[in-house]
């Protein structure tokens, strides 16, 4: 969240410089200036988050966290989490991502807020990488191709076990 706020602050500074006519730092400025929706695009990728939600994610065991700023349907679950000593030990040992992923089973509502803040780009990234892969696979010379199996192979994170697959095949006998 801090990195996103830093980026947005830099972006506003760049906007100020562009408004003053200083565009030296932008090589592809013409493409950016042609798009009038830059603010709405940024808000789509970097939505505003409540400061208290950020505090909840960074340290759910903090004494300065105001319970009234947490959504009502999550407050009871949050109070249970705050009193869970095993969860506190895990928080101190693990990274934020690992901690909140492990809390998803026990405290689903609170961890949903945390994971939404920690992982804002997962679906966007997968969607955009899928479109890029599709453009590479389905070009003009392959326009009638059924791309489902190829896309599945290209986007899978599982490595194929070619040696194991070929060992089970029988060689073609000569006639």
N, C-alpha and C. Protein backbone atom coordinates (compact mmCIF):
# COMPACT_ATOMS: atom_id res chain seq x y z
N UNK A 1 0.83 -1.18 0.00
CA UNK A 1 0.00 0.00 0.00
C UNK A 1 0.88 1.25 0.00
N UNK A 2 1.98 1.21 0.76
CA UNK A 2 2.89 2.34 0.80
C UNK A 2 3.49 2.60 -0.57
N UNK A 3 3.85 1.53 -1.28
CA UNK A 3 4.41 1.67 -2.62
C UNK A 3 3.39 2.29 -3.57
N UNK A 4 2.12 1.88 -3.44
CA UNK A 4 1.09 2.45 -4.30
C UNK A 4 0.89 3.92 -4.02
N UNK A 5 0.86 4.28 -2.74
CA UNK A 5 0.72 5.70 -2.39
C UNK A 5 1.91 6.50 -2.91
N UNK A 6 3.11 5.92 -2.80
CA UNK A 6 4.30 6.59 -3.32
C UNK A 6 4.20 6.80 -4.82
N UNK A 7 3.75 5.77 -5.52
CA UNK A 7 3.59 5.88 -6.97
C UNK A 7 2.57 6.96 -7.32
N UNK A 8 1.43 6.97 -6.62
CA UNK A 8 0.42 7.97 -6.90
C UNK A 8 0.93 9.38 -6.62
N UNK A 9 1.74 9.54 -5.57
CA UNK A 9 2.32 10.84 -5.28
C UNK A 9 3.28 11.26 -6.40
N UNK A 10 4.08 10.31 -6.89
CA UNK A 10 4.98 10.61 -8.01
C UNK A 10 4.18 10.98 -9.25
N UNK A 11 3.09 10.25 -9.47
CA UNK A 11 2.26 10.51 -10.63
C UNK A 11 1.68 11.93 -10.57
N UNK A 12 1.21 12.33 -9.40
CA UNK A 12 0.68 13.69 -9.26
C UNK A 12 1.78 14.72 -9.48
N UNK A 13 2.99 14.44 -9.04
CA UNK A 13 4.12 15.34 -9.28
C UNK A 13 4.41 15.45 -10.77
N UNK A 14 4.36 14.30 -11.46
CA UNK A 14 4.58 14.31 -12.91
C UNK A 14 3.49 15.12 -13.61
N UNK A 15 2.25 14.96 -13.12
CA UNK A 15 1.15 15.74 -13.72
C UNK A 15 1.40 17.23 -13.54
N UNK A 16 1.88 17.63 -12.38
CA UNK A 16 2.19 19.03 -12.11
C UNK A 16 3.26 19.53 -13.07
N UNK A 17 4.31 18.70 -13.27
CA UNK A 17 5.38 19.09 -14.17
C UNK A 17 4.89 19.20 -15.60
N UNK A 18 4.05 18.27 -16.03
CA UNK A 18 3.51 18.32 -17.39
C UNK A 18 2.64 19.56 -17.54
N UNK A 19 1.86 19.89 -16.52
CA UNK A 19 1.04 21.10 -16.56
C UNK A 19 1.88 22.35 -16.70
N UNK A 20 3.08 22.32 -16.15
CA UNK A 20 3.98 23.46 -16.27
C UNK A 20 4.78 23.43 -17.56
N UNK A 21 4.59 22.39 -18.36
CA UNK A 21 5.29 22.30 -19.64
C UNK A 21 6.60 21.55 -19.59
N UNK A 22 6.93 20.95 -18.47
CA UNK A 22 8.18 20.20 -18.33
C UNK A 22 7.90 18.73 -18.62
N UNK A 23 8.22 18.27 -19.84
CA UNK A 23 7.93 16.89 -20.24
C UNK A 23 9.19 16.14 -20.63
N UNK A 24 10.33 16.58 -20.17
CA UNK A 24 11.60 15.98 -20.57
C UNK A 24 11.69 14.53 -20.13
N UNK A 25 11.13 14.17 -18.98
CA UNK A 25 11.30 12.82 -18.44
C UNK A 25 10.41 11.77 -19.11
N UNK A 26 9.51 12.18 -20.02
CA UNK A 26 8.60 11.24 -20.66
C UNK A 26 8.94 11.07 -22.14
N UNK A 27 9.39 9.89 -22.50
CA UNK A 27 9.74 9.63 -23.89
C UNK A 27 8.51 9.40 -24.75
N UNK A 28 7.51 8.76 -24.21
CA UNK A 28 6.32 8.42 -24.98
C UNK A 28 5.13 9.28 -24.57
N UNK A 29 5.37 10.54 -24.38
CA UNK A 29 4.34 11.45 -23.88
C UNK A 29 3.14 11.54 -24.81
N UNK A 30 3.35 11.47 -26.10
CA UNK A 30 2.24 11.63 -27.04
C UNK A 30 1.17 10.57 -26.83
N UNK A 31 1.60 9.34 -26.52
CA UNK A 31 0.62 8.28 -26.28
C UNK A 31 -0.18 8.53 -25.01
N UNK A 32 0.48 9.07 -24.01
CA UNK A 32 -0.20 9.34 -22.75
C UNK A 32 -1.16 10.51 -22.89
N UNK A 33 -0.75 11.56 -23.60
CA UNK A 33 -1.59 12.73 -23.77
C UNK A 33 -2.82 12.46 -24.62
N UNK A 34 -2.75 11.47 -25.50
CA UNK A 34 -3.90 11.13 -26.34
C UNK A 34 -5.02 10.50 -25.53
N UNK A 35 -4.67 9.87 -24.44
CA UNK A 35 -5.68 9.22 -23.61
C UNK A 35 -6.19 10.22 -22.57
N UNK A 36 -7.48 10.51 -22.62
CA UNK A 36 -8.06 11.45 -21.67
C UNK A 36 -8.50 10.77 -20.38
N UNK A 37 -8.43 9.46 -20.34
CA UNK A 37 -8.96 8.72 -19.21
C UNK A 37 -7.87 8.26 -18.26
N UNK A 38 -6.76 8.93 -18.18
CA UNK A 38 -5.65 8.46 -17.35
C UNK A 38 -6.02 8.40 -15.88
N UNK A 39 -6.81 9.38 -15.39
CA UNK A 39 -7.19 9.36 -13.98
C UNK A 39 -8.12 8.20 -13.67
N UNK A 40 -9.11 7.95 -14.55
CA UNK A 40 -10.03 6.85 -14.30
C UNK A 40 -9.32 5.51 -14.43
N UNK A 41 -8.34 5.43 -15.33
CA UNK A 41 -7.57 4.20 -15.46
C UNK A 41 -6.75 3.94 -14.20
N UNK A 42 -6.13 4.98 -13.67
CA UNK A 42 -5.37 4.82 -12.43
C UNK A 42 -6.26 4.42 -11.28
N UNK A 43 -7.45 5.02 -11.19
CA UNK A 43 -8.36 4.66 -10.10
C UNK A 43 -8.86 3.23 -10.23
N UNK A 44 -8.94 2.73 -11.46
CA UNK A 44 -9.35 1.35 -11.64
C UNK A 44 -8.27 0.41 -11.11
N UNK A 45 -7.00 0.70 -11.39
CA UNK A 45 -5.91 -0.16 -10.95
C UNK A 45 -5.49 0.11 -9.51
N UNK A 46 -5.63 1.35 -9.05
CA UNK A 46 -5.22 1.73 -7.69
C UNK A 46 -6.39 2.36 -6.96
N UNK A 47 -7.39 1.58 -6.56
CA UNK A 47 -8.55 2.16 -5.88
C UNK A 47 -8.15 2.71 -4.51
N UNK A 48 -8.95 3.66 -4.03
CA UNK A 48 -8.68 4.24 -2.72
C UNK A 48 -9.07 3.23 -1.63
N UNK A 49 -8.21 3.10 -0.65
CA UNK A 49 -8.48 2.24 0.48
C UNK A 49 -8.52 3.08 1.73
N UNK A 50 -9.33 2.62 2.67
CA UNK A 50 -9.41 3.30 3.96
C UNK A 50 -8.09 3.12 4.71
N UNK A 51 -7.66 4.16 5.38
CA UNK A 51 -6.41 4.11 6.15
C UNK A 51 -6.50 3.07 7.26
N UNK A 52 -7.67 2.94 7.87
CA UNK A 52 -7.84 1.98 8.96
C UNK A 52 -7.73 0.54 8.45
N UNK A 53 -8.20 0.31 7.23
CA UNK A 53 -8.04 -1.03 6.65
C UNK A 53 -6.57 -1.35 6.47
N UNK A 54 -5.80 -0.35 6.07
CA UNK A 54 -4.36 -0.55 5.94
C UNK A 54 -3.71 -0.86 7.27
N UNK A 55 -4.15 -0.18 8.33
CA UNK A 55 -3.61 -0.46 9.67
C UNK A 55 -3.98 -1.87 10.10
N UNK A 56 -5.21 -2.27 9.80
CA UNK A 56 -5.66 -3.62 10.15
C UNK A 56 -4.80 -4.66 9.48
N UNK A 57 -4.45 -4.44 8.22
CA UNK A 57 -3.65 -5.41 7.47
C UNK A 57 -2.21 -5.43 7.97
N UNK A 58 -1.63 -4.25 8.19
CA UNK A 58 -0.23 -4.18 8.61
C UNK A 58 -0.01 -4.77 9.99
N UNK A 59 -0.92 -4.49 10.94
CA UNK A 59 -0.77 -5.01 12.29
C UNK A 59 -2.14 -5.14 12.95
N UNK A 60 -2.77 -6.31 12.84
CA UNK A 60 -4.09 -6.49 13.45
C UNK A 60 -4.06 -6.50 14.98
N UNK A 61 -2.88 -6.60 15.55
CA UNK A 61 -2.75 -6.68 17.01
C UNK A 61 -2.38 -5.34 17.63
N UNK A 62 -2.39 -4.28 16.84
CA UNK A 62 -2.03 -2.95 17.31
C UNK A 62 -3.09 -2.43 18.28
N UNK A 63 -2.63 -1.74 19.31
CA UNK A 63 -3.55 -1.16 20.28
C UNK A 63 -4.19 0.12 19.80
N UNK A 64 -3.65 0.73 18.75
CA UNK A 64 -4.18 2.00 18.25
C UNK A 64 -5.27 1.82 17.21
N UNK A 65 -5.58 0.60 16.86
CA UNK A 65 -6.58 0.33 15.84
C UNK A 65 -7.98 0.60 16.40
N UNK A 66 -8.75 1.43 15.72
CA UNK A 66 -10.08 1.82 16.16
C UNK A 66 -11.10 0.82 15.63
N UNK A 67 -11.78 0.12 16.53
CA UNK A 67 -12.72 -0.94 16.16
C UNK A 67 -13.92 -0.38 15.40
N UNK A 68 -14.30 0.86 15.65
CA UNK A 68 -15.49 1.42 14.99
C UNK A 68 -15.27 1.69 13.51
N UNK A 69 -14.02 1.75 13.07
CA UNK A 69 -13.75 2.00 11.65
C UNK A 69 -13.76 0.72 10.83
N UNK A 70 -13.81 -0.43 11.50
CA UNK A 70 -13.87 -1.72 10.81
C UNK A 70 -15.34 -2.02 10.51
N UNK A 71 -15.65 -2.58 9.35
CA UNK A 71 -17.05 -2.87 9.02
C UNK A 71 -17.73 -3.70 10.12
N UNK A 72 -19.00 -3.41 10.36
CA UNK A 72 -19.74 -4.03 11.46
C UNK A 72 -19.78 -5.55 11.40
N UNK A 73 -19.93 -6.10 10.20
CA UNK A 73 -20.03 -7.55 10.08
C UNK A 73 -18.70 -8.27 10.31
N UNK A 74 -17.60 -7.51 10.40
CA UNK A 74 -16.28 -8.09 10.58
C UNK A 74 -15.75 -7.87 12.00
N UNK A 75 -16.38 -6.98 12.76
CA UNK A 75 -15.86 -6.59 14.07
C UNK A 75 -15.71 -7.75 15.04
N UNK A 76 -16.73 -8.62 15.13
CA UNK A 76 -16.65 -9.75 16.08
C UNK A 76 -15.50 -10.69 15.71
N UNK A 77 -15.39 -10.98 14.44
CA UNK A 77 -14.32 -11.86 13.98
C UNK A 77 -12.96 -11.22 14.22
N UNK A 78 -12.87 -9.90 14.01
CA UNK A 78 -11.62 -9.20 14.26
C UNK A 78 -11.23 -9.27 15.73
N UNK A 79 -12.20 -9.09 16.62
CA UNK A 79 -11.90 -9.14 18.06
C UNK A 79 -11.43 -10.54 18.46
N UNK A 80 -12.01 -11.58 17.85
CA UNK A 80 -11.53 -12.95 18.10
C UNK A 80 -10.09 -13.10 17.66
N UNK A 81 -9.78 -12.58 16.47
CA UNK A 81 -8.42 -12.66 15.95
C UNK A 81 -7.44 -11.92 16.86
N UNK A 82 -7.84 -10.76 17.32
CA UNK A 82 -6.96 -9.93 18.15
C UNK A 82 -6.61 -10.63 19.47
N UNK A 83 -7.49 -11.48 19.95
CA UNK A 83 -7.25 -12.18 21.22
C UNK A 83 -6.61 -13.56 21.02
N UNK A 84 -6.41 -13.98 19.79
CA UNK A 84 -5.84 -15.29 19.48
C UNK A 84 -4.32 -15.23 19.60
N UNK A 85 -3.78 -15.84 20.66
CA UNK A 85 -2.33 -15.78 20.89
C UNK A 85 -1.55 -16.59 19.85
N UNK A 86 -2.12 -17.69 19.36
CA UNK A 86 -1.44 -18.47 18.32
C UNK A 86 -1.32 -17.66 17.03
N UNK A 87 -2.36 -16.89 16.72
CA UNK A 87 -2.33 -16.04 15.53
C UNK A 87 -1.28 -14.93 15.71
N UNK A 88 -1.17 -14.41 16.92
CA UNK A 88 -0.18 -13.36 17.17
C UNK A 88 1.24 -13.90 17.01
N UNK A 89 1.46 -15.12 17.50
CA UNK A 89 2.77 -15.75 17.32
C UNK A 89 3.08 -15.94 15.84
N UNK A 90 2.10 -16.40 15.09
CA UNK A 90 2.28 -16.60 13.65
C UNK A 90 2.55 -15.27 12.95
N UNK A 91 1.88 -14.21 13.38
CA UNK A 91 2.08 -12.89 12.80
C UNK A 91 3.52 -12.43 12.99
N UNK A 92 4.09 -12.72 14.14
CA UNK A 92 5.45 -12.30 14.43
C UNK A 92 6.49 -13.13 13.68
N UNK A 93 6.14 -14.36 13.30
CA UNK A 93 7.08 -15.26 12.64
C UNK A 93 7.05 -15.16 11.11
N UNK A 94 5.90 -14.93 10.54
CA UNK A 94 5.71 -15.02 9.09
C UNK A 94 5.57 -13.65 8.45
N UNK A 95 5.66 -13.62 7.13
CA UNK A 95 5.41 -12.38 6.39
C UNK A 95 3.91 -12.11 6.37
N UNK A 96 3.53 -10.89 5.99
CA UNK A 96 2.11 -10.53 5.98
C UNK A 96 1.31 -11.42 5.05
N UNK A 97 1.83 -11.68 3.85
CA UNK A 97 1.09 -12.52 2.90
C UNK A 97 0.84 -13.91 3.46
N UNK A 98 1.87 -14.52 4.01
CA UNK A 98 1.74 -15.87 4.55
C UNK A 98 0.80 -15.87 5.76
N UNK A 99 0.94 -14.86 6.60
CA UNK A 99 0.07 -14.77 7.79
C UNK A 99 -1.39 -14.70 7.38
N UNK A 100 -1.71 -13.78 6.48
CA UNK A 100 -3.12 -13.60 6.13
C UNK A 100 -3.67 -14.79 5.34
N UNK A 101 -2.84 -15.43 4.54
CA UNK A 101 -3.30 -16.64 3.84
C UNK A 101 -3.61 -17.76 4.83
N UNK A 102 -2.80 -17.86 5.87
CA UNK A 102 -3.04 -18.90 6.87
C UNK A 102 -4.24 -18.57 7.75
N UNK A 103 -4.62 -17.32 7.85
CA UNK A 103 -5.77 -16.91 8.66
C UNK A 103 -7.09 -17.04 7.91
N UNK A 104 -7.02 -17.29 6.62
CA UNK A 104 -8.23 -17.34 5.79
C UNK A 104 -9.21 -18.41 6.26
N UNK A 105 -8.71 -19.53 6.73
CA UNK A 105 -9.57 -20.61 7.19
C UNK A 105 -10.27 -20.25 8.50
N UNK A 106 -9.54 -19.67 9.44
CA UNK A 106 -10.09 -19.37 10.77
C UNK A 106 -10.87 -18.07 10.81
N UNK A 107 -10.41 -17.07 10.09
CA UNK A 107 -11.02 -15.74 10.12
C UNK A 107 -11.26 -15.26 8.69
N UNK A 108 -12.26 -15.81 8.01
CA UNK A 108 -12.42 -15.53 6.58
C UNK A 108 -12.77 -14.08 6.24
N UNK A 109 -13.60 -13.43 7.06
CA UNK A 109 -14.01 -12.06 6.73
C UNK A 109 -12.86 -11.07 6.88
N UNK A 110 -12.11 -11.20 7.97
CA UNK A 110 -10.99 -10.29 8.19
C UNK A 110 -9.89 -10.54 7.16
N UNK A 111 -9.60 -11.79 6.91
CA UNK A 111 -8.54 -12.09 5.94
C UNK A 111 -8.95 -11.70 4.53
N UNK A 112 -10.25 -11.69 4.25
CA UNK A 112 -10.71 -11.25 2.92
C UNK A 112 -10.36 -9.78 2.69
N UNK A 113 -10.54 -8.96 3.72
CA UNK A 113 -10.16 -7.55 3.63
C UNK A 113 -8.66 -7.44 3.39
N UNK A 114 -7.90 -8.19 4.16
CA UNK A 114 -6.44 -8.13 4.06
C UNK A 114 -5.96 -8.60 2.69
N UNK A 115 -6.48 -9.70 2.22
CA UNK A 115 -6.03 -10.23 0.93
C UNK A 115 -6.44 -9.32 -0.22
N UNK A 116 -7.57 -8.65 -0.08
CA UNK A 116 -7.99 -7.69 -1.11
C UNK A 116 -7.00 -6.53 -1.19
N UNK A 117 -6.47 -6.13 -0.05
CA UNK A 117 -5.49 -5.04 -0.04
C UNK A 117 -4.10 -5.52 -0.47
N UNK A 118 -3.75 -6.74 -0.10
CA UNK A 118 -2.41 -7.25 -0.40
C UNK A 118 -2.27 -7.75 -1.83
N UNK A 119 -3.36 -8.22 -2.41
CA UNK A 119 -3.29 -8.83 -3.75
C UNK A 119 -4.23 -8.14 -4.74
N UNK A 120 -4.07 -6.85 -4.97
CA UNK A 120 -5.04 -6.18 -5.85
C UNK A 120 -4.88 -6.48 -7.32
N UNK A 121 -3.74 -7.03 -7.74
CA UNK A 121 -3.50 -7.16 -9.16
C UNK A 121 -3.57 -8.59 -9.68
N UNK A 122 -3.95 -9.54 -8.85
CA UNK A 122 -3.88 -10.94 -9.29
C UNK A 122 -4.79 -11.20 -10.48
N UNK A 123 -6.05 -10.79 -10.44
CA UNK A 123 -6.94 -11.09 -11.56
C UNK A 123 -6.60 -10.24 -12.77
N UNK A 124 -6.20 -9.01 -12.56
CA UNK A 124 -5.83 -8.16 -13.68
C UNK A 124 -4.61 -8.72 -14.40
N UNK A 125 -3.64 -9.16 -13.64
CA UNK A 125 -2.42 -9.72 -14.23
C UNK A 125 -2.75 -10.97 -15.04
N UNK A 126 -3.55 -11.88 -14.48
CA UNK A 126 -3.89 -13.11 -15.19
C UNK A 126 -4.65 -12.81 -16.47
N UNK A 127 -5.56 -11.87 -16.41
CA UNK A 127 -6.34 -11.52 -17.59
C UNK A 127 -5.46 -10.92 -18.68
N UNK A 128 -4.60 -9.99 -18.30
CA UNK A 128 -3.74 -9.34 -19.29
C UNK A 128 -2.70 -10.30 -19.87
N UNK A 129 -2.17 -11.19 -19.04
CA UNK A 129 -1.22 -12.17 -19.57
C UNK A 129 -1.92 -13.16 -20.49
N UNK A 130 -3.18 -13.48 -20.21
CA UNK A 130 -3.95 -14.37 -21.09
C UNK A 130 -4.16 -13.74 -22.46
N UNK A 131 -4.50 -12.45 -22.48
CA UNK A 131 -4.69 -11.78 -23.76
C UNK A 131 -3.38 -11.71 -24.55
N UNK A 132 -2.29 -11.46 -23.87
CA UNK A 132 -1.00 -11.42 -24.56
C UNK A 132 -0.66 -12.78 -25.16
N UNK A 133 -0.91 -13.84 -24.40
CA UNK A 133 -0.66 -15.19 -24.89
C UNK A 133 -1.56 -15.50 -26.08
N UNK A 134 -2.81 -15.10 -26.01
CA UNK A 134 -3.75 -15.34 -27.10
C UNK A 134 -3.28 -14.63 -28.38
N UNK A 135 -2.79 -13.41 -28.23
CA UNK A 135 -2.30 -12.69 -29.41
C UNK A 135 -1.10 -13.37 -30.04
N UNK A 136 -0.26 -14.00 -29.24
CA UNK A 136 0.90 -14.71 -29.77
C UNK A 136 0.48 -16.00 -30.46
N UNK A 137 -0.48 -16.71 -29.89
CA UNK A 137 -0.88 -18.01 -30.42
C UNK A 137 -1.75 -17.87 -31.67
N UNK A 138 -2.73 -16.98 -31.58
CA UNK A 138 -3.70 -16.88 -32.67
C UNK A 138 -3.38 -15.66 -33.53
N UNK A 139 -2.60 -15.88 -34.57
CA UNK A 139 -2.24 -14.79 -35.48
C UNK A 139 -2.95 -14.99 -36.81
N UNK A 140 -2.63 -14.19 -37.83
CA UNK A 140 -3.34 -14.26 -39.10
C UNK A 140 -3.23 -15.62 -39.77
N UNK A 141 -2.07 -16.25 -39.66
CA UNK A 141 -1.91 -17.55 -40.33
C UNK A 141 -2.54 -18.70 -39.55
N UNK A 142 -2.91 -18.45 -38.32
CA UNK A 142 -3.52 -19.51 -37.50
C UNK A 142 -4.88 -19.05 -36.99
N UNK A 143 -5.66 -18.33 -37.80
CA UNK A 143 -6.88 -17.70 -37.32
C UNK A 143 -8.04 -18.67 -37.09
N UNK A 144 -7.99 -19.87 -37.62
CA UNK A 144 -9.06 -20.85 -37.39
C UNK A 144 -8.70 -21.87 -36.33
N UNK A 145 -7.65 -21.64 -35.68
CA UNK A 145 -7.13 -22.55 -34.67
C UNK A 145 -8.01 -22.56 -33.42
N UNK A 146 -8.26 -23.75 -32.88
CA UNK A 146 -8.94 -23.88 -31.59
C UNK A 146 -7.87 -23.66 -30.52
N UNK A 147 -7.92 -22.54 -29.84
CA UNK A 147 -6.83 -22.15 -28.96
C UNK A 147 -6.96 -22.67 -27.53
N UNK A 148 -8.07 -23.30 -27.16
CA UNK A 148 -8.25 -23.73 -25.77
C UNK A 148 -7.11 -24.61 -25.25
N UNK A 149 -6.75 -25.69 -25.94
CA UNK A 149 -5.65 -26.52 -25.41
C UNK A 149 -4.31 -25.79 -25.38
N UNK A 150 -4.05 -24.99 -26.42
CA UNK A 150 -2.79 -24.25 -26.45
C UNK A 150 -2.72 -23.21 -25.33
N UNK A 151 -3.83 -22.54 -25.09
CA UNK A 151 -3.87 -21.54 -24.01
C UNK A 151 -3.67 -22.23 -22.65
N UNK A 152 -4.30 -23.36 -22.48
CA UNK A 152 -4.16 -24.10 -21.21
C UNK A 152 -2.70 -24.46 -20.96
N UNK A 153 -2.02 -24.92 -22.01
CA UNK A 153 -0.60 -25.26 -21.86
C UNK A 153 0.26 -24.03 -21.62
N UNK A 154 -0.02 -22.96 -22.35
CA UNK A 154 0.80 -21.76 -22.24
C UNK A 154 0.64 -21.06 -20.90
N UNK A 155 -0.56 -21.10 -20.32
CA UNK A 155 -0.81 -20.38 -19.07
C UNK A 155 -0.64 -21.24 -17.83
N UNK A 156 -0.43 -22.52 -18.00
CA UNK A 156 -0.26 -23.41 -16.86
C UNK A 156 1.09 -23.20 -16.19
N UNK A 157 1.10 -23.29 -14.87
CA UNK A 157 2.36 -23.18 -14.15
C UNK A 157 2.98 -24.55 -13.89
N UNK A 158 2.27 -25.60 -14.26
CA UNK A 158 2.76 -26.96 -14.08
C UNK A 158 3.73 -27.30 -15.21
N UNK A 159 4.89 -27.79 -14.86
CA UNK A 159 5.88 -28.17 -15.85
C UNK A 159 5.55 -29.56 -16.39
N UNK A 160 5.57 -29.75 -17.71
CA UNK A 160 5.27 -31.07 -18.28
C UNK A 160 6.38 -32.07 -17.95
N UNK A 161 5.98 -33.32 -17.74
CA UNK A 161 6.95 -34.39 -17.45
C UNK A 161 7.11 -35.22 -18.72
N UNK A 162 7.83 -34.66 -19.67
CA UNK A 162 7.98 -35.27 -20.99
C UNK A 162 8.63 -36.65 -20.89
N UNK A 163 9.68 -36.78 -20.12
CA UNK A 163 10.38 -38.06 -20.00
C UNK A 163 9.44 -39.14 -19.46
N UNK A 164 8.68 -38.84 -18.44
CA UNK A 164 7.75 -39.81 -17.87
C UNK A 164 6.67 -40.19 -18.88
N UNK A 165 6.20 -39.23 -19.65
CA UNK A 165 5.17 -39.52 -20.65
C UNK A 165 5.71 -40.38 -21.79
N UNK A 166 6.93 -40.12 -22.21
CA UNK A 166 7.48 -40.89 -23.33
C UNK A 166 7.93 -42.28 -22.92
N UNK A 167 8.31 -42.48 -21.67
CA UNK A 167 8.73 -43.81 -21.22
C UNK A 167 7.58 -44.80 -21.26
N UNK A 168 6.37 -44.35 -21.09
CA UNK A 168 5.20 -45.23 -21.07
C UNK A 168 4.68 -45.57 -22.46
N UNK A 169 5.21 -44.92 -23.48
CA UNK A 169 4.77 -45.18 -24.86
C UNK A 169 5.59 -46.29 -25.47
N UNK A 170 4.93 -47.07 -26.31
CA UNK A 170 5.60 -48.16 -27.00
C UNK A 170 6.07 -47.65 -28.36
N UNK A 171 7.27 -48.05 -28.75
CA UNK A 171 7.82 -47.63 -30.03
C UNK A 171 7.03 -48.30 -31.16
N UNK A 172 7.00 -47.65 -32.29
CA UNK A 172 6.32 -48.19 -33.46
C UNK A 172 7.15 -49.36 -34.02
N UNK A 173 6.58 -50.54 -34.03
CA UNK A 173 7.36 -51.67 -34.56
C UNK A 173 7.47 -51.56 -36.10
N UNK A 174 8.54 -52.12 -36.65
CA UNK A 174 8.71 -52.08 -38.10
C UNK A 174 7.84 -53.16 -38.73
N UNK A 175 7.42 -52.94 -39.95
CA UNK A 175 6.55 -53.90 -40.63
C UNK A 175 7.31 -54.81 -41.51
